[in-house]
């Protein structure tokens, strides 16, 4: 039985090696000429043994947390909903402030009726999700399990 180094590689395998080479070039580990030569070889690879020497002298990929890099939080439906709520709430407060400044009179803070209930529903969704309850709707845990 042939070893795994003699198995034909897929485009995904070639792209994985190319991504490692891009990162190595960005870190200054490879010159532009070396990078170009290795990327061409990666895309021309036929079997696994063709890919091995292309990254053999490069360090193993280090997770972002070990290198101190900050990772972006995952974009979940709840995070998107909170961002939309915050943007709409700020817009309503700005409009209310413009009305107060334009009229010169005290105007009831009507924006609370927009931001308050909507924010309370989002907070309940977040708390229920953290408690492990399946919350229906696009922001709930049930939507994430689909």
Protein backbone atom coordinates (compact mmCIF):
# COMPACT_ATOMS: atom_id res chain seq x y z
CA UNK A 1 0.00 0.00 0.00
CA UNK A 2 1.41 3.38 -0.97
CA UNK A 3 2.05 6.01 1.72
CA UNK A 4 0.03 9.18 1.95
CA UNK A 5 2.87 11.11 0.30
CA UNK A 6 2.05 9.29 -2.96
CA UNK A 7 -1.67 10.16 -2.91
CA UNK A 8 -2.84 12.74 -5.40
CA UNK A 9 -3.50 16.16 -3.88
CA UNK A 10 -6.64 18.25 -4.27
CA UNK A 11 -6.92 21.95 -5.01
CA UNK A 12 -7.72 22.51 -1.31
CA UNK A 13 -4.35 20.94 -0.36
CA UNK A 14 -2.53 23.19 -2.80
CA UNK A 15 -4.37 26.24 -1.47
CA UNK A 16 -3.50 25.33 2.14
CA UNK A 17 0.20 25.22 1.27
CA UNK A 18 -0.10 28.46 -0.70
CA UNK A 19 -1.68 30.13 2.36
CA UNK A 20 1.26 29.03 4.52
CA UNK A 21 3.63 30.46 1.91
CA UNK A 22 1.73 33.77 1.81
CA UNK A 23 2.03 34.08 5.58
CA UNK A 24 5.74 33.17 5.50
CA UNK A 25 6.37 35.80 2.83
CA UNK A 26 4.40 38.41 4.81
CA UNK A 27 6.51 37.62 7.89
CA UNK A 28 9.72 38.06 5.88
CA UNK A 29 10.72 34.40 5.99
CA UNK A 30 10.70 34.09 2.19
CA UNK A 31 11.99 36.51 -0.41
CA UNK A 32 9.71 37.37 -3.29
CA UNK A 33 11.68 35.06 -5.61
CA UNK A 34 11.47 32.13 -3.15
CA UNK A 35 7.79 32.77 -2.57
CA UNK A 36 7.06 32.87 -6.31
CA UNK A 37 9.00 29.68 -6.96
CA UNK A 38 7.30 27.79 -4.12
CA UNK A 39 3.79 28.96 -4.98
CA UNK A 40 4.29 27.86 -8.58
CA UNK A 41 5.51 24.48 -7.34
CA UNK A 42 2.52 24.19 -4.97
CA UNK A 43 0.06 24.77 -7.78
CA UNK A 44 1.91 22.28 -9.99
CA UNK A 45 1.98 19.57 -7.27
CA UNK A 46 0.50 16.22 -8.19
CA UNK A 47 1.09 14.09 -5.08
CA UNK A 48 1.57 14.89 -1.41
CA UNK A 49 5.33 14.37 -1.65
CA UNK A 50 5.48 17.38 -4.00
CA UNK A 51 4.05 19.66 -1.31
CA UNK A 52 6.14 18.53 1.68
CA UNK A 53 9.45 20.24 0.79
CA UNK A 54 7.72 23.55 0.10
CA UNK A 55 7.01 24.20 3.79
CA UNK A 56 9.52 21.85 5.46
CA UNK A 57 11.90 24.69 6.45
CA UNK A 58 9.12 26.96 7.73
CA UNK A 59 7.87 26.96 11.33
CA UNK A 60 4.60 25.23 12.07
CA UNK A 61 1.58 27.51 11.99
CA UNK A 62 1.26 29.12 15.43
CA UNK A 63 -2.28 29.85 16.66
CA UNK A 64 -3.15 33.55 16.86
CA UNK A 65 -3.54 33.47 20.67
CA UNK A 66 0.00 32.18 21.16
CA UNK A 67 1.46 34.99 19.04
CA UNK A 68 -0.50 37.69 20.81
CA UNK A 69 -2.56 38.56 17.74
CA UNK A 70 -6.09 39.69 18.42
CA UNK A 71 -8.81 37.65 16.79
CA UNK A 72 -12.04 39.19 15.58
CA UNK A 73 -15.07 37.90 17.41
CA UNK A 74 -17.32 35.61 15.44
CA UNK A 75 -20.10 37.37 13.54
CA UNK A 76 -23.21 35.79 15.00
CA UNK A 77 -26.80 36.83 14.30
CA UNK A 78 -27.05 38.21 17.85
CA UNK A 79 -23.95 40.38 17.40
CA UNK A 80 -25.33 41.72 14.12
CA UNK A 81 -28.70 42.45 15.76
CA UNK A 82 -26.99 44.31 18.63
CA UNK A 83 -24.93 46.35 16.16
CA UNK A 84 -28.07 47.31 14.23
CA UNK A 85 -29.87 48.18 17.49
CA UNK A 86 -26.95 50.37 18.59
CA UNK A 87 -26.79 52.19 15.26
CA UNK A 88 -30.54 52.86 15.18
CA UNK A 89 -30.50 53.96 18.83
CA UNK A 90 -27.66 56.41 18.23
CA UNK A 91 -29.41 57.76 15.15
CA UNK A 92 -32.61 58.31 17.16
CA UNK A 93 -30.73 60.11 19.93
CA UNK A 94 -29.02 62.35 17.37
CA UNK A 95 -32.39 63.19 15.77
CA UNK A 96 -33.88 63.90 19.21
CA UNK A 97 -30.95 66.18 20.09
CA UNK A 98 -31.39 68.03 16.78
CA UNK A 99 -35.09 68.54 17.51
CA UNK A 100 -34.28 69.81 21.03
CA UNK A 101 -31.63 72.17 19.67
CA UNK A 102 -33.85 73.31 16.79
CA UNK A 103 -36.92 74.06 18.88
CA UNK A 104 -35.13 75.36 21.91
CA UNK A 105 -37.70 73.64 24.10
CA UNK A 106 -37.71 70.56 26.24
CA UNK A 107 -38.80 67.56 24.19
CA UNK A 108 -39.69 64.24 25.79
CA UNK A 109 -37.00 61.60 25.20
CA UNK A 110 -39.09 59.56 22.76
CA UNK A 111 -36.04 57.61 21.59
CA UNK A 112 -36.24 55.56 24.81
CA UNK A 113 -39.41 53.90 23.44
CA UNK A 114 -37.41 52.68 20.45
CA UNK A 115 -34.16 51.71 22.15
CA UNK A 116 -35.58 50.40 25.42
CA UNK A 117 -37.90 47.54 24.42
CA UNK A 118 -35.71 46.48 21.51
CA UNK A 119 -32.63 46.43 23.76
CA UNK A 120 -34.51 44.52 26.45
CA UNK A 121 -35.53 41.83 23.94
CA UNK A 122 -31.93 41.51 22.72
CA UNK A 123 -30.67 41.28 26.30
CA UNK A 124 -33.20 38.54 27.09
CA UNK A 125 -32.14 36.63 23.97
CA UNK A 126 -28.49 36.88 24.99
CA UNK A 127 -29.17 35.79 28.58
CA UNK A 128 -31.41 32.91 27.50
CA UNK A 129 -28.80 31.75 25.00
CA UNK A 130 -26.06 31.80 27.64
CA UNK A 131 -28.29 29.87 30.03
CA UNK A 132 -28.65 27.15 27.41
CA UNK A 133 -32.25 27.74 26.39
CA UNK A 134 -33.18 27.35 22.75
CA UNK A 135 -34.43 30.75 21.66
CA UNK A 136 -36.58 30.90 18.52
CA UNK A 137 -35.87 33.45 15.86
CA UNK A 138 -32.86 34.59 13.85
CA UNK A 139 -30.85 35.62 16.94
CA UNK A 140 -31.45 32.54 19.03
CA UNK A 141 -29.34 29.45 19.62
CA UNK A 142 -31.75 27.39 17.51
CA UNK A 143 -30.77 29.43 14.45
CA UNK A 144 -27.09 28.71 15.05
CA UNK A 145 -27.66 24.95 15.15
CA UNK A 146 -29.27 24.77 11.70
